Amino acid sequence: MATPVGIVGFRGYSGVELVSILLKHPHVEPVLLEHRESDDKPGPLGHPGPRRAAMSPAAVHAEGLVAVFLATPAEVSMELTLPLLETGAKVIDLSGAFRLGTVENYKRWYKEDHHHPELLAEAAYGLPEFCRSRIPASRLISNPGCYPTAANLAIKPLIEAGVVQREAGIVCDAKSGVSGAGRKPSIKTSFCEVTENFSAYSVLDHRHVPEVLRTAGLEESEFSFTAQLIPIDRGILETIYFRAKNIGSAEDLLAIYQKAYADEPFVRLYPARHAPDLRCVARTNFCDIGVYYDAKTGRAVVISAIDNLVKGAAGQAVQNMNLALGYPETAGLL
């Protein structure tokens, strides 16, 4: 008997990806929870099959939902999370509502007040490669942002190994497909603005920066991040520059990752001096990493690639659900 799990926000790009993954999952059955009551709902992007219910605690009880995904804006996640938790269901939130730990952090980076500081403190950050031990016992899991997922998987092993000249800083040049901005129409993401174009945005104040600082253990002065929009539908590729120390070759850098990710099913490492591209990770839950190093100058480059809708959103959310519900971590994802 399949375990029922709910999805709020199933019309958005991440929500659609969730439905696609869960329909193929061997242990669960998705139930689409309708939150919008207005007449201007965007049409669903396929998936007519799953049953639907109104988003309410009563419906969560009636459907027997053991977990609910929130593929919603942060303000909607804040509104819905506590009522959902009170039903006994676990919540896996794909927004930024519970990622930053304190109301002060949230206010600074999201420019809004947070209404549930107790949930901010409680939420487990859902980057399994580094936070796996907290996830099974948590009732609220905050799915990481897409940019921080690619950045932290590339940077944190290096910081822990002590091979970065931190005083020289780390530069993360990040490029993303347009689906990362969500499905809500805007001038910036319209066809005529995006096609044949390439633009930077949220320079020096991107709200994903604090997730990298918290997880990788960096100071803000040590990390420079720029997000850029490229005219493709999905994918993130981050080129990360730093000065290395106590490293003799690219193979030495690669060995650090091999040790860190030896047992990780969703991190793939390339041979030294080979780089991933977006086609390699499209529609997968993998993060692919390649390394380069110049011994004469100490310059190092790491390239990290993910699909922003899968490992950067829905796939990682399912990975977290698998851990929270006791299923094999790779279920529905390989």
Protein backbone atom coordinates (compact mmCIF):
# COMPACT_ATOMS: atom_id res chain seq x y z
CA MET A 1 0.00 0.00 0.00
CA ALA A 2 1.57 3.31 -1.11
CA THR A 3 2.06 6.01 1.52
CA PRO A 4 0.13 9.21 0.68
CA VAL A 5 2.10 12.47 0.67
CA GLY A 6 0.77 15.91 -0.17
CA ILE A 7 2.06 18.65 -2.46
CA VAL A 8 1.08 22.29 -2.11
CA GLY A 9 2.20 24.41 -5.03
CA PHE A 10 1.96 21.64 -7.60
CA ARG A 11 1.42 24.13 -10.44
CA GLY A 12 4.88 25.68 -10.19
CA TYR A 13 7.99 24.32 -11.86
CA SER A 14 9.38 22.68 -8.71
CA GLY A 15 5.93 21.33 -7.85
CA VAL A 16 5.54 19.77 -11.28
CA GLU A 17 8.96 18.17 -10.92
CA LEU A 18 7.89 16.79 -7.52
CA VAL A 19 4.78 15.22 -8.99
CA SER A 20 6.80 13.64 -11.80
CA ILE A 21 9.26 12.09 -9.36
CA LEU A 22 6.66 10.92 -6.86
CA LEU A 23 4.49 9.29 -9.52
CA LYS A 24 7.45 6.96 -10.19
CA HIS A 25 8.35 6.48 -6.52
CA PRO A 26 7.98 2.85 -5.37
CA HIS A 27 6.65 3.67 -1.89
CA VAL A 28 4.50 6.82 -2.00
CA GLU A 29 1.47 8.27 -3.74
CA PRO A 30 1.18 12.04 -4.36
CA VAL A 31 -1.95 13.95 -3.40
CA LEU A 32 -2.30 17.45 -4.86
CA LEU A 33 -3.42 19.98 -2.26
CA GLU A 34 -5.21 23.03 -3.67
CA HIS A 35 -4.31 26.19 -1.78
CA ARG A 36 -5.42 28.96 -4.15
CA GLU A 37 -9.08 29.94 -4.06
CA SER A 38 -8.99 32.64 -6.74
CA ASP A 39 -10.13 32.25 -10.32
CA ASP A 40 -6.74 33.19 -11.76
CA LYS A 41 -5.00 29.92 -11.01
CA PRO A 42 -2.41 29.07 -13.65
CA GLY A 43 -3.18 25.85 -15.44
CA PRO A 44 -1.40 22.70 -14.22
CA LEU A 45 1.57 21.60 -16.29
CA GLY A 46 0.38 18.07 -16.92
CA HIS A 47 -0.16 15.22 -14.42
CA PRO A 48 -3.97 14.90 -14.52
CA GLY A 49 -3.83 11.58 -12.69
CA PRO A 50 -3.11 12.26 -8.98
CA ARG A 51 -6.11 12.87 -6.79
CA ARG A 52 -6.71 16.33 -5.38
CA ALA A 53 -7.99 17.78 -2.14
CA ALA A 54 -8.41 21.21 -0.63
CA MET A 55 -5.48 22.34 1.48
CA SER A 56 -6.75 22.09 5.07
CA PRO A 57 -5.78 20.23 8.25
CA ALA A 58 -9.01 18.25 7.92
CA ALA A 59 -8.05 17.10 4.42
CA VAL A 60 -4.56 16.14 5.60
CA HIS A 61 -6.18 13.94 8.26
CA ALA A 62 -8.78 12.53 5.86
CA GLU A 63 -6.17 11.65 3.23
CA GLY A 64 -3.84 10.13 5.83
CA LEU A 65 -0.91 12.23 4.66
CA VAL A 66 2.32 11.48 6.52
CA ALA A 67 4.28 14.26 4.84
CA VAL A 68 3.50 17.42 2.91
CA PHE A 69 5.77 19.25 0.48
CA LEU A 70 5.44 23.03 0.29
CA ALA A 71 6.55 24.22 -3.16
CA THR A 72 5.30 27.68 -2.29
CA PRO A 73 6.60 31.21 -1.72
CA ALA A 74 8.14 31.82 1.71
CA GLU A 75 5.15 33.77 3.02
CA VAL A 76 2.78 30.92 2.12
CA SER A 77 5.08 28.37 3.73
CA MET A 78 5.10 30.41 6.95
CA GLU A 79 1.31 30.50 6.90
CA LEU A 80 0.81 26.78 6.31
CA THR A 81 3.64 25.05 8.18
CA LEU A 82 2.39 25.23 11.76
CA PRO A 83 -1.18 23.99 10.94
CA LEU A 84 0.34 21.15 8.94
CA LEU A 85 2.73 20.16 11.73
CA GLU A 86 -0.17 20.11 14.16
CA THR A 87 -1.79 17.36 12.08
CA GLY A 88 1.25 15.15 12.77
CA ALA A 89 2.49 15.29 9.17
CA LYS A 90 6.11 16.07 8.43
CA VAL A 91 6.70 19.19 6.35
CA ILE A 92 9.36 19.51 3.67
CA ASP A 93 9.53 23.16 2.68
CA LEU A 94 11.12 24.14 -0.64
CA SER A 95 10.99 27.87 0.04
CA GLY A 96 13.48 29.98 1.95
CA ALA A 97 11.15 30.43 4.92
CA PHE A 98 13.11 28.27 7.39
CA ARG A 99 16.67 28.13 6.04
CA LEU A 100 18.45 30.88 7.93
CA GLY A 101 18.12 29.94 11.58
CA THR A 102 17.31 33.34 13.14
CA VAL A 103 14.81 36.13 12.59
CA GLU A 104 17.71 38.57 12.28
CA ASN A 105 19.21 36.64 9.39
CA TYR A 106 15.82 36.34 7.72
CA LYS A 107 15.06 40.03 8.09
CA ARG A 108 18.41 41.05 6.65
CA TRP A 109 18.41 38.81 3.60
CA TYR A 110 14.68 38.49 2.81
CA LYS A 111 13.80 42.07 3.82
CA GLU A 112 10.72 40.85 5.69
CA ASP A 113 9.75 39.90 9.25
CA HIS A 114 9.55 36.23 10.19
CA HIS A 115 6.42 35.22 12.08
CA HIS A 116 7.54 31.86 13.50
CA PRO A 117 10.98 32.16 15.11
CA GLU A 118 10.41 28.91 17.01
CA LEU A 119 10.09 27.03 13.71
CA LEU A 120 13.16 28.77 12.31
CA ALA A 121 15.16 27.39 15.21
CA GLU A 122 13.60 23.93 14.92
CA ALA A 123 13.92 23.31 11.17
CA ALA A 124 16.54 20.84 9.97
CA TYR A 125 18.51 22.08 6.98
CA GLY A 126 18.00 19.44 4.31
CA LEU A 127 21.36 19.08 2.57
CA PRO A 128 21.75 15.34 3.17
CA GLU A 129 25.44 15.12 2.34
CA PHE A 130 26.19 17.26 5.41
CA CYS A 131 23.04 17.22 7.53
CA ARG A 132 21.80 13.64 7.17
CA SER A 133 21.83 12.81 10.88
CA ARG A 134 19.21 15.46 11.79
CA ILE A 135 16.71 14.72 9.04
CA PRO A 136 15.04 11.43 10.13
CA ALA A 137 13.95 12.75 13.53
CA SER A 138 12.84 16.18 12.27
CA ARG A 139 9.25 17.10 11.64
CA LEU A 140 10.22 20.23 9.63
CA ILE A 141 12.88 20.01 6.92
CA SER A 142 14.02 23.12 5.11
CA ASN A 143 15.10 22.21 1.61
CA PRO A 144 18.23 24.15 0.56
CA GLY A 145 18.29 26.72 -2.20
CA CYS A 146 19.54 25.65 -5.61
CA TYR A 147 22.61 27.92 -5.73
CA PRO A 148 23.74 26.97 -2.18
CA THR A 149 23.37 23.27 -2.96
CA ALA A 150 25.88 23.46 -5.80
CA ALA A 151 28.13 25.86 -3.89
CA ASN A 152 28.24 24.02 -0.58
CA LEU A 153 28.88 20.63 -2.15
CA ALA A 154 31.89 22.20 -3.88
CA ILE A 155 33.21 24.43 -1.08
CA LYS A 156 32.60 22.76 2.28
CA PRO A 157 35.01 19.79 1.81
CA LEU A 158 37.77 22.25 0.91
CA ILE A 159 37.16 24.40 4.00
CA GLU A 160 37.12 21.33 6.23
CA ALA A 161 40.38 20.12 4.66
CA GLY A 162 42.02 23.49 5.31
CA VAL A 163 43.31 23.94 1.75
CA VAL A 164 41.76 27.35 0.99
CA GLN A 165 43.67 30.59 1.53
CA ARG A 166 40.66 32.18 3.13
CA GLU A 167 42.21 35.63 3.35
CA ALA A 168 42.31 35.67 -0.46
CA GLY A 169 38.58 34.95 -0.64
CA ILE A 170 36.42 32.57 -2.65
CA VAL A 171 34.63 33.79 -5.79
CA CYS A 172 31.53 31.92 -6.96
CA ASP A 173 30.36 32.78 -10.48
CA ALA A 174 26.92 31.14 -10.78
CA LYS A 175 24.73 30.80 -13.85
CA SER A 176 21.15 29.53 -13.83
CA GLY A 177 18.36 28.69 -16.21
CA VAL A 178 15.17 30.74 -16.11
CA SER A 179 13.01 28.19 -14.29
CA GLY A 180 14.88 29.11 -11.11
CA ALA A 181 12.83 32.31 -11.00
CA GLY A 182 9.58 30.34 -10.76
CA ARG A 183 6.52 30.25 -12.96
CA LYS A 184 4.97 33.58 -11.95
CA PRO A 185 5.16 35.92 -14.96
CA SER A 186 7.53 38.88 -14.80
CA ILE A 187 9.15 41.27 -17.23
CA LYS A 188 12.65 40.09 -16.28
CA THR A 189 11.91 36.46 -17.18
CA SER A 190 9.74 37.06 -20.24
CA PHE A 191 10.92 35.59 -23.55
CA CYS A 192 11.98 38.87 -25.15
CA GLU A 193 14.04 39.85 -22.10
CA VAL A 194 15.80 36.51 -21.70
CA THR A 195 16.45 35.20 -25.17
CA GLU A 196 19.78 36.23 -26.72
CA ASN A 197 20.65 37.81 -23.36
CA PHE A 198 22.82 37.17 -20.30
CA SER A 199 22.40 39.22 -17.13
CA ALA A 200 23.57 39.39 -13.52
CA TYR A 201 21.12 40.03 -10.68
CA SER A 202 20.98 40.53 -6.90
CA VAL A 203 24.64 41.51 -6.98
CA LEU A 204 26.21 41.59 -3.48
CA ASP A 205 22.92 40.85 -1.70
CA HIS A 206 21.58 37.55 -3.06
CA ARG A 207 19.43 35.86 -0.44
CA HIS A 208 21.14 32.50 -0.98
CA VAL A 209 24.50 33.78 0.25
CA PRO A 210 23.84 33.16 3.99
CA GLU A 211 23.09 29.49 3.31
CA VAL A 212 26.60 29.08 1.91
CA LEU A 213 28.15 30.99 4.81
CA ARG A 214 26.29 28.93 7.45
CA THR A 215 26.91 25.53 5.90
CA ALA A 216 30.45 25.94 4.59
CA GLY A 217 31.60 27.85 7.68
CA LEU A 218 32.66 31.06 5.91
CA GLU A 219 32.63 34.70 6.90
CA GLU A 220 30.78 37.07 4.60
CA SER A 221 34.04 38.89 3.81
CA GLU A 222 35.52 35.63 2.51
CA PHE A 223 32.86 34.85 -0.08
CA SER A 224 31.86 36.71 -3.25
CA PHE A 225 28.82 35.43 -5.12
CA THR A 226 27.17 36.63 -8.33
CA ALA A 227 24.08 35.01 -9.83
CA GLN A 228 23.50 35.26 -13.57
CA LEU A 229 20.54 34.39 -15.74
CA ILE A 230 21.18 32.49 -18.96
CA PRO A 231 18.61 31.78 -21.70
CA ILE A 232 17.95 28.10 -20.99
CA ASP A 233 15.08 26.51 -19.10
CA ARG A 234 16.96 24.61 -16.36
CA GLY A 235 20.36 23.94 -14.84
CA ILE A 236 22.96 25.66 -12.65
CA LEU A 237 26.68 25.77 -13.33
CA GLU A 238 28.96 27.42 -10.77
CA THR A 239 32.61 28.23 -11.42
CA ILE A 240 34.38 28.69 -8.09
CA TYR A 241 37.78 30.39 -7.86
CA PHE A 242 40.16 30.41 -4.88
CA ARG A 243 43.83 30.29 -3.89
CA ALA A 244 44.87 26.92 -2.54
CA LYS A 245 47.49 26.00 0.05
CA ASN A 246 49.16 22.70 0.92
CA ILE A 247 48.13 21.34 -2.48
CA GLY A 248 50.54 20.01 -5.09
CA SER A 249 48.20 19.07 -7.94
CA ALA A 250 44.64 18.84 -9.15
CA GLU A 251 44.74 15.21 -8.09
CA ASP A 252 45.30 16.36 -4.49
CA LEU A 253 42.14 18.45 -4.69
CA LEU A 254 40.23 15.58 -6.23
CA ALA A 255 41.35 13.28 -3.40
CA ILE A 256 39.66 15.59 -0.88
CA TYR A 257 36.35 15.18 -2.68
CA GLN A 258 36.83 11.46 -3.12
CA LYS A 259 37.22 11.09 0.64
CA ALA A 260 34.27 13.36 1.41
CA TYR A 261 31.86 11.78 -1.06
CA ALA A 262 32.99 8.14 -1.18
CA ASP A 263 29.58 6.91 0.00
CA GLU A 264 27.36 9.64 -1.44
CA PRO A 265 25.01 8.40 -4.17
CA PHE A 266 24.28 11.80 -5.73
CA VAL A 267 27.73 13.41 -6.05
CA ARG A 268 29.73 12.48 -9.14
CA LEU A 269 33.39 13.44 -9.43
CA TYR A 270 35.20 13.98 -12.72
CA PRO A 271 38.85 13.11 -13.34
CA ALA A 272 41.22 15.99 -12.59
CA ARG A 273 41.14 18.74 -15.24
CA HIS A 274 37.78 17.64 -16.62
CA ALA A 275 34.62 19.70 -16.14
CA PRO A 276 30.92 18.85 -16.04
CA ASP A 277 28.35 20.70 -18.11
CA LEU A 278 24.61 21.14 -17.76
CA ARG A 279 23.61 18.39 -20.17
CA CYS A 280 25.31 15.89 -17.87
CA VAL A 281 23.00 16.71 -14.94
CA ALA A 282 19.75 17.70 -16.66
CA ARG A 283 16.71 15.94 -15.11
CA THR A 284 18.88 14.10 -12.58
CA ASN A 285 19.49 14.45 -8.84
CA PHE A 286 23.26 14.50 -9.29
CA CYS A 287 25.77 17.18 -8.47
CA ASP A 288 28.77 16.85 -10.78
CA ILE A 289 32.13 18.34 -9.74
CA GLY A 290 35.36 18.93 -11.66
CA VAL A 291 38.67 20.42 -10.41
CA TYR A 292 41.60 22.35 -11.88
CA TYR A 293 44.81 23.61 -10.22
CA ASP A 294 47.84 25.62 -11.29
CA ALA A 295 50.78 24.78 -9.00
CA LYS A 296 52.86 27.79 -10.11
CA THR A 297 50.34 30.37 -8.93
CA GLY A 298 48.22 28.44 -6.42
CA ARG A 299 45.09 29.22 -8.42
CA ALA A 300 42.34 26.61 -8.16
CA VAL A 301 39.02 26.30 -9.96
CA VAL A 302 36.14 24.00 -9.06
CA ILE A 303 33.14 23.59 -11.34
CA SER A 304 29.87 22.36 -9.84
CA ALA A 305 26.75 21.55 -11.89
CA ILE A 306 23.20 20.57 -10.89
CA ASP A 307 19.69 20.64 -12.29
CA ASN A 308 18.10 23.47 -10.32
CA LEU A 309 14.67 21.80 -10.40
CA VAL A 310 15.91 18.37 -9.25
CA LYS A 311 18.99 18.36 -6.98
CA GLY A 312 18.33 22.07 -6.47
CA ALA A 313 14.68 21.60 -5.48
CA ALA A 314 12.29 18.67 -6.02
CA GLY A 315 14.80 15.82 -6.20
CA GLN A 316 16.57 16.88 -3.04
CA ALA A 317 13.17 17.29 -1.36
CA VAL A 318 12.35 13.67 -2.23
CA GLN A 319 15.80 12.64 -0.98
CA ASN A 320 14.90 14.33 2.32
CA MET A 321 11.48 12.67 2.37
CA ASN A 322 13.11 9.27 1.88
CA LEU A 323 15.36 9.89 4.88
CA ALA A 324 12.50 11.26 6.99
CA LEU A 325 10.17 8.34 6.25
CA GLY A 326 12.77 5.57 6.38
CA TYR A 327 12.87 4.67 2.69
CA PRO A 328 16.10 4.05 0.77
CA GLU A 329 17.63 7.47 0.13
CA THR A 330 17.78 6.86 -3.62
CA ALA A 331 14.17 5.66 -3.97
CA GLY A 332 12.45 7.31 -6.93
CA LEU A 333 15.63 9.17 -7.88
CA LEU A 334 17.80 6.61 -9.67
